[in-house]
Amino acid sequence: MSKINELTVYRESNATLRAEGEAKGKRVAELDAKLRQVSDELAPAKQELLVLRAELDARDSQITRLTQDTRRWQERAQQLLTKVWRPSPFSHT
């Protein structure tokens, strides 16, 4: 009789474990589908982010180049002003 009870417990346990396994399998499938959906929704945003980062890098480079050009022209203008406004050694002031 004890053997019958033991087998009944095993059978019930196996049925419970199978049901839990199936439920977990369904949950995994649902989560996989949700992950694919979210990934698909994020794909355009990721692409836009790459484009915007490239544009930002290009603008940063342009700003750096323009800043360097501005400094160079300011220095050149200062050199010319200094040369033009330098007192002549021949002037009789």
N, C-alpha and C. Protein backbone atom coordinates (compact mmCIF):
# COMPACT_ATOMS: atom_id res chain seq x y z
N MET A 1 0.81 -1.19 0.00
CA MET A 1 0.00 0.00 0.00
C MET A 1 0.87 1.27 0.00
N SER A 2 1.92 1.21 0.72
CA SER A 2 2.83 2.35 0.78
C SER A 2 3.47 2.60 -0.58
N LYS A 3 3.73 1.55 -1.33
CA LYS A 3 4.30 1.68 -2.66
C LYS A 3 3.32 2.39 -3.59
N ILE A 4 2.04 2.08 -3.45
CA ILE A 4 1.00 2.72 -4.27
C ILE A 4 0.93 4.20 -3.93
N ASN A 5 0.97 4.52 -2.67
CA ASN A 5 0.93 5.94 -2.26
C ASN A 5 2.16 6.68 -2.78
N GLU A 6 3.30 6.02 -2.73
CA GLU A 6 4.54 6.63 -3.21
C GLU A 6 4.46 6.89 -4.71
N LEU A 7 3.95 5.93 -5.46
CA LEU A 7 3.80 6.11 -6.91
C LEU A 7 2.79 7.21 -7.23
N THR A 8 1.74 7.31 -6.44
CA THR A 8 0.75 8.36 -6.64
C THR A 8 1.39 9.74 -6.41
N VAL A 9 2.19 9.82 -5.38
CA VAL A 9 2.87 11.09 -5.09
C VAL A 9 3.81 11.45 -6.23
N TYR A 10 4.56 10.45 -6.75
CA TYR A 10 5.45 10.71 -7.88
C TYR A 10 4.69 11.17 -9.11
N ARG A 11 3.57 10.53 -9.38
CA ARG A 11 2.76 10.89 -10.54
C ARG A 11 2.23 12.31 -10.40
N GLU A 12 1.74 12.66 -9.22
CA GLU A 12 1.23 14.02 -8.98
C GLU A 12 2.37 15.04 -9.08
N SER A 13 3.51 14.66 -8.54
CA SER A 13 4.67 15.55 -8.59
C SER A 13 5.11 15.78 -10.04
N ASN A 14 5.15 14.70 -10.81
CA ASN A 14 5.52 14.81 -12.23
C ASN A 14 4.52 15.68 -12.98
N ALA A 15 3.25 15.51 -12.72
CA ALA A 15 2.22 16.31 -13.39
C ALA A 15 2.38 17.78 -13.03
N THR A 16 2.65 18.04 -11.75
CA THR A 16 2.85 19.43 -11.31
C THR A 16 4.09 20.03 -11.98
N LEU A 17 5.17 19.27 -12.00
CA LEU A 17 6.41 19.76 -12.63
C LEU A 17 6.22 20.00 -14.12
N ARG A 18 5.48 19.10 -14.80
CA ARG A 18 5.21 19.30 -16.22
C ARG A 18 4.40 20.56 -16.45
N ALA A 19 3.38 20.78 -15.63
CA ALA A 19 2.53 21.97 -15.77
C ALA A 19 3.36 23.24 -15.53
N GLU A 20 4.21 23.20 -14.51
CA GLU A 20 5.07 24.36 -14.24
C GLU A 20 6.04 24.60 -15.40
N GLY A 21 6.59 23.51 -15.94
CA GLY A 21 7.51 23.63 -17.08
C GLY A 21 6.82 24.24 -18.29
N GLU A 22 5.60 23.79 -18.56
CA GLU A 22 4.85 24.34 -19.69
C GLU A 22 4.54 25.83 -19.46
N ALA A 23 4.15 26.18 -18.24
CA ALA A 23 3.84 27.58 -17.92
C ALA A 23 5.08 28.44 -18.08
N LYS A 24 6.21 27.93 -17.60
CA LYS A 24 7.47 28.69 -17.73
C LYS A 24 7.87 28.81 -19.20
N GLY A 25 7.65 27.73 -19.97
CA GLY A 25 7.95 27.79 -21.41
C GLY A 25 7.11 28.83 -22.11
N LYS A 26 5.82 28.91 -21.77
CA LYS A 26 4.94 29.93 -22.35
C LYS A 26 5.41 31.32 -21.96
N ARG A 27 5.82 31.49 -20.71
CA ARG A 27 6.28 32.80 -20.24
C ARG A 27 7.55 33.21 -20.99
N VAL A 28 8.44 32.24 -21.20
CA VAL A 28 9.67 32.52 -21.96
C VAL A 28 9.32 32.96 -23.37
N ALA A 29 8.39 32.26 -24.00
CA ALA A 29 7.96 32.63 -25.35
C ALA A 29 7.36 34.03 -25.38
N GLU A 30 6.53 34.35 -24.39
CA GLU A 30 5.94 35.69 -24.31
C GLU A 30 7.02 36.76 -24.15
N LEU A 31 7.98 36.49 -23.27
CA LEU A 31 9.05 37.46 -23.04
C LEU A 31 9.95 37.62 -24.26
N ASP A 32 10.20 36.52 -24.97
CA ASP A 32 10.97 36.61 -26.21
C ASP A 32 10.25 37.47 -27.24
N ALA A 33 8.94 37.26 -27.38
CA ALA A 33 8.16 38.06 -28.32
C ALA A 33 8.18 39.53 -27.93
N LYS A 34 8.04 39.80 -26.64
CA LYS A 34 8.07 41.19 -26.18
C LYS A 34 9.45 41.82 -26.42
N LEU A 35 10.50 41.05 -26.19
CA LEU A 35 11.85 41.54 -26.43
C LEU A 35 12.06 41.87 -27.90
N ARG A 36 11.58 40.99 -28.78
CA ARG A 36 11.69 41.27 -30.22
C ARG A 36 10.92 42.53 -30.59
N GLN A 37 9.73 42.69 -30.02
CA GLN A 37 8.91 43.87 -30.31
C GLN A 37 9.62 45.14 -29.85
N VAL A 38 10.14 45.13 -28.64
CA VAL A 38 10.82 46.32 -28.12
C VAL A 38 12.08 46.60 -28.93
N SER A 39 12.81 45.56 -29.30
CA SER A 39 14.01 45.75 -30.12
C SER A 39 13.65 46.37 -31.46
N ASP A 40 12.57 45.90 -32.06
CA ASP A 40 12.12 46.47 -33.33
C ASP A 40 11.71 47.93 -33.17
N GLU A 41 11.08 48.25 -32.05
CA GLU A 41 10.67 49.63 -31.81
C GLU A 41 11.88 50.53 -31.58
N LEU A 42 12.93 49.99 -30.98
CA LEU A 42 14.12 50.79 -30.68
C LEU A 42 15.05 50.96 -31.88
N ALA A 43 14.95 50.10 -32.86
CA ALA A 43 15.86 50.15 -34.00
C ALA A 43 15.89 51.52 -34.68
N PRO A 44 14.75 52.13 -35.00
CA PRO A 44 14.80 53.46 -35.62
C PRO A 44 15.44 54.52 -34.70
N ALA A 45 15.17 54.43 -33.41
CA ALA A 45 15.75 55.39 -32.47
C ALA A 45 17.27 55.22 -32.41
N LYS A 46 17.73 53.99 -32.43
CA LYS A 46 19.18 53.74 -32.43
C LYS A 46 19.82 54.31 -33.68
N GLN A 47 19.17 54.11 -34.82
CA GLN A 47 19.69 54.64 -36.08
C GLN A 47 19.73 56.16 -36.05
N GLU A 48 18.67 56.77 -35.55
CA GLU A 48 18.63 58.23 -35.45
C GLU A 48 19.72 58.74 -34.52
N LEU A 49 19.96 58.03 -33.44
CA LEU A 49 21.01 58.40 -32.50
C LEU A 49 22.37 58.38 -33.19
N LEU A 50 22.62 57.36 -34.00
CA LEU A 50 23.90 57.29 -34.72
C LEU A 50 24.06 58.49 -35.67
N VAL A 51 22.98 58.82 -36.36
CA VAL A 51 23.03 59.96 -37.29
C VAL A 51 23.27 61.25 -36.53
N LEU A 52 22.56 61.43 -35.42
CA LEU A 52 22.71 62.67 -34.64
C LEU A 52 24.11 62.78 -34.03
N ARG A 53 24.67 61.66 -33.59
CA ARG A 53 26.03 61.69 -33.06
C ARG A 53 27.03 62.07 -34.14
N ALA A 54 26.82 61.55 -35.35
CA ALA A 54 27.71 61.89 -36.46
C ALA A 54 27.60 63.39 -36.78
N GLU A 55 26.38 63.91 -36.78
CA GLU A 55 26.19 65.34 -37.02
C GLU A 55 26.84 66.17 -35.92
N LEU A 56 26.71 65.74 -34.69
CA LEU A 56 27.32 66.46 -33.57
C LEU A 56 28.84 66.46 -33.68
N ASP A 57 29.40 65.31 -34.04
CA ASP A 57 30.86 65.24 -34.23
C ASP A 57 31.31 66.18 -35.34
N ALA A 58 30.55 66.22 -36.43
CA ALA A 58 30.89 67.11 -37.55
C ALA A 58 30.82 68.57 -37.11
N ARG A 59 29.80 68.91 -36.35
CA ARG A 59 29.67 70.30 -35.89
C ARG A 59 30.76 70.67 -34.89
N ASP A 60 31.11 69.73 -34.03
CA ASP A 60 32.21 69.98 -33.08
C ASP A 60 33.51 70.22 -33.83
N SER A 61 33.75 69.44 -34.86
CA SER A 61 34.95 69.63 -35.68
C SER A 61 34.93 70.99 -36.36
N GLN A 62 33.77 71.37 -36.87
CA GLN A 62 33.64 72.67 -37.54
C GLN A 62 33.87 73.81 -36.55
N ILE A 63 33.33 73.69 -35.36
CA ILE A 63 33.52 74.72 -34.34
C ILE A 63 35.00 74.84 -33.98
N THR A 64 35.67 73.71 -33.82
CA THR A 64 37.10 73.72 -33.50
C THR A 64 37.88 74.40 -34.62
N ARG A 65 37.58 74.03 -35.86
CA ARG A 65 38.28 74.63 -37.00
C ARG A 65 38.02 76.13 -37.08
N LEU A 66 36.77 76.54 -36.89
CA LEU A 66 36.44 77.97 -36.96
C LEU A 66 37.09 78.75 -35.82
N THR A 67 37.16 78.15 -34.65
CA THR A 67 37.81 78.80 -33.52
C THR A 67 39.29 78.99 -33.80
N GLN A 68 39.93 77.98 -34.38
CA GLN A 68 41.34 78.10 -34.73
C GLN A 68 41.55 79.18 -35.80
N ASP A 69 40.67 79.20 -36.80
CA ASP A 69 40.76 80.23 -37.84
C ASP A 69 40.59 81.62 -37.25
N THR A 70 39.64 81.76 -36.34
CA THR A 70 39.40 83.06 -35.70
C THR A 70 40.64 83.53 -34.94
N ARG A 71 41.24 82.63 -34.18
CA ARG A 71 42.46 83.01 -33.45
C ARG A 71 43.58 83.40 -34.40
N ARG A 72 43.74 82.63 -35.46
CA ARG A 72 44.80 82.92 -36.42
C ARG A 72 44.59 84.30 -37.06
N TRP A 73 43.34 84.62 -37.43
CA TRP A 73 43.08 85.92 -38.06
C TRP A 73 43.18 87.06 -37.04
N GLN A 74 42.82 86.80 -35.80
CA GLN A 74 43.00 87.83 -34.77
C GLN A 74 44.48 88.13 -34.57
N GLU A 75 45.29 87.09 -34.52
CA GLU A 75 46.73 87.29 -34.37
C GLU A 75 47.30 88.04 -35.56
N ARG A 76 46.86 87.69 -36.77
CA ARG A 76 47.35 88.37 -37.97
C ARG A 76 46.92 89.84 -37.97
N ALA A 77 45.69 90.11 -37.58
CA ALA A 77 45.22 91.49 -37.52
C ALA A 77 46.02 92.28 -36.50
N GLN A 78 46.30 91.66 -35.36
CA GLN A 78 47.10 92.33 -34.33
C GLN A 78 48.51 92.62 -34.84
N GLN A 79 49.09 91.67 -35.57
CA GLN A 79 50.42 91.89 -36.14
C GLN A 79 50.41 93.06 -37.11
N LEU A 80 49.40 93.13 -37.96
CA LEU A 80 49.30 94.23 -38.92
C LEU A 80 49.09 95.57 -38.22
N LEU A 81 48.23 95.58 -37.21
CA LEU A 81 48.01 96.83 -36.49
C LEU A 81 49.28 97.29 -35.79
N THR A 82 49.99 96.35 -35.20
CA THR A 82 51.23 96.69 -34.52
C THR A 82 52.23 97.25 -35.53
N LYS A 83 52.30 96.65 -36.70
CA LYS A 83 53.23 97.10 -37.73
C LYS A 83 52.85 98.49 -38.24
N VAL A 84 51.57 98.72 -38.46
CA VAL A 84 51.11 100.00 -39.01
C VAL A 84 51.25 101.11 -37.97
N TRP A 85 50.93 100.85 -36.74
CA TRP A 85 50.91 101.87 -35.70
C TRP A 85 52.22 102.00 -34.94
N ARG A 86 53.22 101.27 -35.35
CA ARG A 86 54.52 101.37 -34.69
C ARG A 86 55.13 102.73 -35.04
N PRO A 87 55.64 103.42 -34.04
CA PRO A 87 56.25 104.73 -34.33
C PRO A 87 57.48 104.56 -35.22
N SER A 88 57.59 105.42 -36.17
CA SER A 88 58.72 105.38 -37.07
C SER A 88 59.95 105.94 -36.37
N PRO A 89 61.10 105.32 -36.54
CA PRO A 89 62.32 105.84 -35.92
C PRO A 89 62.75 107.16 -36.55
N PHE A 90 62.19 107.51 -37.71
CA PHE A 90 62.58 108.74 -38.40
C PHE A 90 61.62 109.90 -38.11
N SER A 91 60.58 109.63 -37.35
CA SER A 91 59.64 110.71 -37.09
C SER A 91 60.23 111.70 -36.10
N HIS A 92 59.87 112.99 -36.24
CA HIS A 92 60.38 114.06 -35.38
C HIS A 92 59.31 114.52 -34.42
N THR A 93 58.94 113.73 -33.55
CA THR A 93 57.91 114.12 -32.63
C THR A 93 58.45 114.71 -31.36
